[in-house]
Structure formats: structure tokens, C-alpha cells
Amino acid sequence: MSNAVYTYGTDAFGSSTESWTSQDYIIVAGQAKMKDITTESVGVSIDSTITTNLPYKMEYTYAGQDALFYDALKDMDGGPNASGGVELGGGGR
């Protein structure tokens, strides 16, 4: 799944900014989660100065994103694949 977002805005002084963002999603344990975002922008100030931000990408990772849905359910239920399932120190404090 992916989503494209375009924004345009001007400030009180007349400077303008345009930005383009592409958002990609993955399914983790039955829920849509952000996979990555790529953004770029161009701004023009009142004195015609141009500022360009080249495309940059942010990537997200999630625990269990590569597991099968069944394995993710076992993890959530405290099954044998659950992280932190072994209690150390002999009990609560």
C-alpha cells in the first residue's frame, strides 16, 4: 500500500513552500504500519531565494514484521516466541 501527499502553503510574509511525500505501508500482525516515508520540498521566499530539500527517506521497522501472522499472535499471547518471556530474579519486587 502507498499514499502520496502534496502540500502547498504560504506564510504571512508571502514566502511559499511545496512538499511531496510518498508513504508506504506494510501489514504487521493484521495492522497497517508505516514502512517508509520519502519527502522533498521547495521553498521560495519573498526575496526570491529558493531553498530545495532533496528527497530523503525515513524507514521504520517493527518487532515481528517478518513473522507470520500466527507467530505474531503467539508473541502477543505470551507464547514461546514472546520476547521477555523468561522472568529473572525469582518474582516481583
N, C-alpha and C. Protein backbone atom coordinates (compact mmCIF):
# COMPACT_ATOMS: atom_id res chain seq x y z
N MET A 1 0.84 -1.17 0.00
CA MET A 1 0.00 0.00 0.00
C MET A 1 0.90 1.24 0.00
N SER A 2 0.47 2.26 -0.68
CA SER A 2 1.22 3.51 -0.63
C SER A 2 0.24 4.68 -0.74
N ASN A 3 0.76 5.83 -0.36
CA ASN A 3 -0.05 7.03 -0.34
C ASN A 3 0.85 8.20 -0.73
N ALA A 4 0.38 9.10 -1.57
CA ALA A 4 1.15 10.28 -1.96
C ALA A 4 0.45 11.52 -1.40
N VAL A 5 1.26 12.43 -0.85
CA VAL A 5 0.71 13.65 -0.25
C VAL A 5 1.44 14.85 -0.84
N TYR A 6 0.68 15.83 -1.30
CA TYR A 6 1.24 17.09 -1.79
C TYR A 6 0.72 18.21 -0.90
N THR A 7 1.62 19.09 -0.47
CA THR A 7 1.18 20.24 0.32
C THR A 7 1.77 21.52 -0.26
N TYR A 8 1.01 22.60 -0.12
CA TYR A 8 1.44 23.92 -0.55
C TYR A 8 0.99 24.91 0.51
N GLY A 9 1.87 25.82 0.85
CA GLY A 9 1.48 26.81 1.84
C GLY A 9 2.25 28.10 1.68
N THR A 10 1.66 29.18 2.17
CA THR A 10 2.34 30.47 2.19
C THR A 10 2.29 31.01 3.61
N ASP A 11 3.31 31.77 3.99
CA ASP A 11 3.30 32.37 5.31
C ASP A 11 2.84 33.82 5.23
N ALA A 12 2.82 34.50 6.36
CA ALA A 12 2.32 35.87 6.44
C ALA A 12 3.16 36.86 5.64
N PHE A 13 4.40 36.49 5.31
CA PHE A 13 5.29 37.39 4.58
C PHE A 13 5.27 37.15 3.08
N GLY A 14 4.56 36.11 2.63
CA GLY A 14 4.46 35.82 1.21
C GLY A 14 5.38 34.73 0.71
N SER A 15 6.18 34.12 1.60
CA SER A 15 7.03 33.00 1.20
C SER A 15 6.15 31.76 1.01
N SER A 16 6.55 30.92 0.07
CA SER A 16 5.75 29.72 -0.19
C SER A 16 6.61 28.46 -0.08
N THR A 17 5.94 27.37 0.23
CA THR A 17 6.61 26.07 0.34
C THR A 17 5.73 25.02 -0.31
N GLU A 18 6.34 24.16 -1.10
CA GLU A 18 5.68 22.99 -1.67
C GLU A 18 6.43 21.77 -1.18
N SER A 19 5.69 20.72 -0.85
CA SER A 19 6.35 19.47 -0.47
C SER A 19 5.60 18.28 -1.04
N TRP A 20 6.36 17.25 -1.30
CA TRP A 20 5.83 16.00 -1.84
C TRP A 20 6.28 14.88 -0.93
N THR A 21 5.35 14.04 -0.52
CA THR A 21 5.66 12.94 0.38
C THR A 21 5.02 11.67 -0.15
N SER A 22 5.80 10.61 -0.14
CA SER A 22 5.30 9.29 -0.50
C SER A 22 5.37 8.41 0.74
N GLN A 23 4.26 7.81 1.12
CA GLN A 23 4.19 6.96 2.30
C GLN A 23 3.89 5.53 1.88
N ASP A 24 4.69 4.60 2.34
CA ASP A 24 4.47 3.18 2.06
C ASP A 24 4.14 2.45 3.35
N TYR A 25 3.23 1.49 3.26
CA TYR A 25 2.76 0.76 4.44
C TYR A 25 2.97 -0.74 4.27
N ILE A 26 3.08 -1.44 5.39
CA ILE A 26 3.10 -2.89 5.41
C ILE A 26 2.06 -3.35 6.45
N ILE A 27 1.71 -4.61 6.39
CA ILE A 27 0.80 -5.18 7.37
C ILE A 27 1.63 -5.97 8.38
N VAL A 28 1.49 -5.63 9.66
CA VAL A 28 2.17 -6.33 10.74
C VAL A 28 1.09 -6.77 11.73
N ALA A 29 0.98 -8.07 11.92
CA ALA A 29 0.00 -8.64 12.85
C ALA A 29 -1.40 -8.11 12.57
N GLY A 30 -1.74 -8.00 11.28
CA GLY A 30 -3.07 -7.59 10.90
C GLY A 30 -3.33 -6.09 10.93
N GLN A 31 -2.31 -5.29 11.21
CA GLN A 31 -2.48 -3.84 11.27
C GLN A 31 -1.57 -3.16 10.26
N ALA A 32 -2.08 -2.09 9.63
CA ALA A 32 -1.25 -1.31 8.70
C ALA A 32 -0.25 -0.49 9.51
N LYS A 33 1.02 -0.59 9.14
CA LYS A 33 2.09 0.15 9.80
C LYS A 33 2.90 0.88 8.74
N MET A 34 3.41 2.05 9.09
CA MET A 34 4.26 2.82 8.18
C MET A 34 5.54 2.05 7.91
N LYS A 35 5.88 1.85 6.64
CA LYS A 35 7.12 1.19 6.26
C LYS A 35 8.20 2.23 6.01
N ASP A 36 7.90 3.21 5.18
CA ASP A 36 8.85 4.28 4.92
C ASP A 36 8.14 5.52 4.39
N ILE A 37 8.83 6.65 4.50
CA ILE A 37 8.33 7.93 4.02
C ILE A 37 9.47 8.60 3.26
N THR A 38 9.18 9.07 2.05
CA THR A 38 10.14 9.84 1.27
C THR A 38 9.56 11.23 1.07
N THR A 39 10.35 12.25 1.41
CA THR A 39 9.88 13.63 1.37
C THR A 39 10.89 14.51 0.64
N GLU A 40 10.37 15.47 -0.11
CA GLU A 40 11.20 16.51 -0.70
C GLU A 40 10.39 17.80 -0.70
N SER A 41 11.09 18.94 -0.73
CA SER A 41 10.36 20.21 -0.70
C SER A 41 11.15 21.31 -1.39
N VAL A 42 10.41 22.35 -1.77
CA VAL A 42 10.99 23.55 -2.38
C VAL A 42 10.30 24.76 -1.74
N GLY A 43 11.11 25.71 -1.34
CA GLY A 43 10.56 26.93 -0.76
C GLY A 43 11.06 28.15 -1.53
N VAL A 44 10.21 29.16 -1.66
CA VAL A 44 10.59 30.41 -2.31
C VAL A 44 10.23 31.54 -1.36
N SER A 45 11.24 32.30 -0.96
CA SER A 45 10.99 33.39 -0.01
C SER A 45 10.58 34.66 -0.75
N ILE A 46 10.20 35.67 0.00
CA ILE A 46 9.71 36.92 -0.57
C ILE A 46 10.76 37.60 -1.45
N ASP A 47 12.06 37.37 -1.14
CA ASP A 47 13.13 37.97 -1.95
C ASP A 47 13.59 37.04 -3.08
N SER A 48 12.79 36.03 -3.39
CA SER A 48 13.02 35.06 -4.47
C SER A 48 14.13 34.06 -4.19
N THR A 49 14.60 33.98 -2.94
CA THR A 49 15.56 32.94 -2.58
C THR A 49 14.86 31.59 -2.64
N ILE A 50 15.51 30.63 -3.29
CA ILE A 50 14.94 29.29 -3.42
C ILE A 50 15.69 28.32 -2.51
N THR A 51 14.94 27.58 -1.73
CA THR A 51 15.51 26.55 -0.86
C THR A 51 14.96 25.21 -1.31
N THR A 52 15.86 24.28 -1.59
CA THR A 52 15.46 22.95 -2.04
C THR A 52 15.94 21.90 -1.05
N ASN A 53 15.05 21.06 -0.61
CA ASN A 53 15.41 19.89 0.19
C ASN A 53 15.29 18.68 -0.71
N LEU A 54 16.43 18.07 -1.01
CA LEU A 54 16.43 16.89 -1.87
C LEU A 54 15.67 15.76 -1.18
N PRO A 55 15.19 14.80 -1.96
CA PRO A 55 14.42 13.70 -1.36
C PRO A 55 15.24 12.97 -0.29
N TYR A 56 14.59 12.69 0.82
CA TYR A 56 15.19 11.88 1.87
C TYR A 56 14.16 10.87 2.34
N LYS A 57 14.67 9.74 2.82
CA LYS A 57 13.79 8.62 3.17
C LYS A 57 13.99 8.25 4.63
N MET A 58 12.87 8.06 5.33
CA MET A 58 12.87 7.53 6.70
C MET A 58 12.24 6.15 6.63
N GLU A 59 12.94 5.16 7.20
CA GLU A 59 12.42 3.80 7.19
C GLU A 59 12.10 3.36 8.61
N TYR A 60 11.02 2.62 8.76
CA TYR A 60 10.57 2.14 10.06
C TYR A 60 10.64 0.62 10.09
N THR A 61 10.98 0.07 11.24
CA THR A 61 10.95 -1.38 11.42
C THR A 61 10.15 -1.69 12.68
N TYR A 62 9.56 -2.85 12.71
CA TYR A 62 8.72 -3.26 13.82
C TYR A 62 9.10 -4.67 14.24
N ALA A 63 9.07 -4.91 15.54
CA ALA A 63 9.33 -6.26 16.04
C ALA A 63 8.29 -7.20 15.44
N GLY A 64 8.75 -8.28 14.87
CA GLY A 64 7.84 -9.26 14.32
C GLY A 64 7.33 -8.97 12.93
N GLN A 65 7.86 -7.94 12.27
CA GLN A 65 7.32 -7.60 10.96
C GLN A 65 7.58 -8.68 9.92
N ASP A 66 8.57 -9.52 10.15
CA ASP A 66 8.85 -10.59 9.19
C ASP A 66 8.22 -11.91 9.59
N ALA A 67 7.58 -11.95 10.74
CA ALA A 67 6.96 -13.19 11.21
C ALA A 67 5.62 -13.41 10.52
N LEU A 68 5.20 -14.62 10.50
CA LEU A 68 3.86 -14.93 10.01
C LEU A 68 2.84 -14.40 11.02
N PHE A 69 1.64 -14.17 10.56
CA PHE A 69 0.59 -13.65 11.43
C PHE A 69 0.39 -14.56 12.65
N TYR A 70 0.42 -15.86 12.45
CA TYR A 70 0.23 -16.80 13.56
C TYR A 70 1.33 -16.61 14.61
N ASP A 71 2.57 -16.47 14.17
CA ASP A 71 3.67 -16.26 15.10
C ASP A 71 3.49 -14.96 15.88
N ALA A 72 3.00 -13.93 15.21
CA ALA A 72 2.78 -12.65 15.89
C ALA A 72 1.72 -12.80 16.97
N LEU A 73 0.67 -13.59 16.70
CA LEU A 73 -0.36 -13.82 17.71
C LEU A 73 0.21 -14.55 18.91
N LYS A 74 1.07 -15.55 18.67
CA LYS A 74 1.68 -16.27 19.78
C LYS A 74 2.52 -15.31 20.62
N ASP A 75 3.24 -14.41 19.96
CA ASP A 75 4.06 -13.45 20.70
C ASP A 75 3.19 -12.56 21.58
N MET A 76 2.06 -12.10 21.06
CA MET A 76 1.19 -11.21 21.82
C MET A 76 0.55 -11.94 23.00
N ASP A 77 0.32 -13.24 22.86
CA ASP A 77 -0.33 -14.01 23.92
C ASP A 77 0.66 -14.55 24.94
N GLY A 78 1.93 -14.20 24.82
CA GLY A 78 2.91 -14.69 25.78
C GLY A 78 3.35 -16.11 25.51
N GLY A 79 3.23 -16.53 24.26
CA GLY A 79 3.63 -17.88 23.88
C GLY A 79 5.14 -18.04 23.89
N PRO A 80 5.63 -19.16 23.38
CA PRO A 80 7.05 -19.46 23.45
C PRO A 80 7.93 -18.48 22.67
N ASN A 81 7.36 -17.73 21.73
CA ASN A 81 8.17 -16.77 20.98
C ASN A 81 8.13 -15.37 21.58
N ALA A 82 7.43 -15.18 22.68
CA ALA A 82 7.28 -13.85 23.26
C ALA A 82 8.62 -13.33 23.77
N SER A 83 8.91 -12.09 23.48
CA SER A 83 10.15 -11.50 23.97
C SER A 83 9.98 -11.21 25.45
N GLY A 84 11.03 -11.43 26.21
CA GLY A 84 10.97 -11.18 27.64
C GLY A 84 10.12 -12.20 28.39
N GLY A 85 9.91 -13.38 27.80
CA GLY A 85 9.04 -14.36 28.42
C GLY A 85 9.65 -15.09 29.60
N VAL A 86 10.94 -14.92 29.82
CA VAL A 86 11.58 -15.59 30.93
C VAL A 86 11.75 -14.59 32.05
N GLU A 87 11.23 -14.90 33.21
CA GLU A 87 11.32 -13.99 34.34
C GLU A 87 12.60 -14.28 35.11
N LEU A 88 13.42 -13.26 35.29
CA LEU A 88 14.67 -13.41 36.02
C LEU A 88 14.51 -12.86 37.43
N GLY A 89 15.22 -13.42 38.37
CA GLY A 89 15.23 -12.87 39.72
C GLY A 89 14.18 -13.48 40.64
N GLY A 90 13.43 -14.44 40.20
CA GLY A 90 12.54 -15.17 41.07
C GLY A 90 11.25 -14.47 41.47
N GLY A 91 10.80 -13.50 40.73
CA GLY A 91 9.50 -12.94 41.05
C GLY A 91 9.49 -11.43 41.10
N GLY A 92 8.34 -10.90 41.49
CA GLY A 92 8.17 -9.44 41.53
C GLY A 92 8.90 -8.79 42.68
N ARG A 93 8.95 -7.50 42.65
CA ARG A 93 9.64 -6.75 43.69
C ARG A 93 8.66 -6.07 44.58
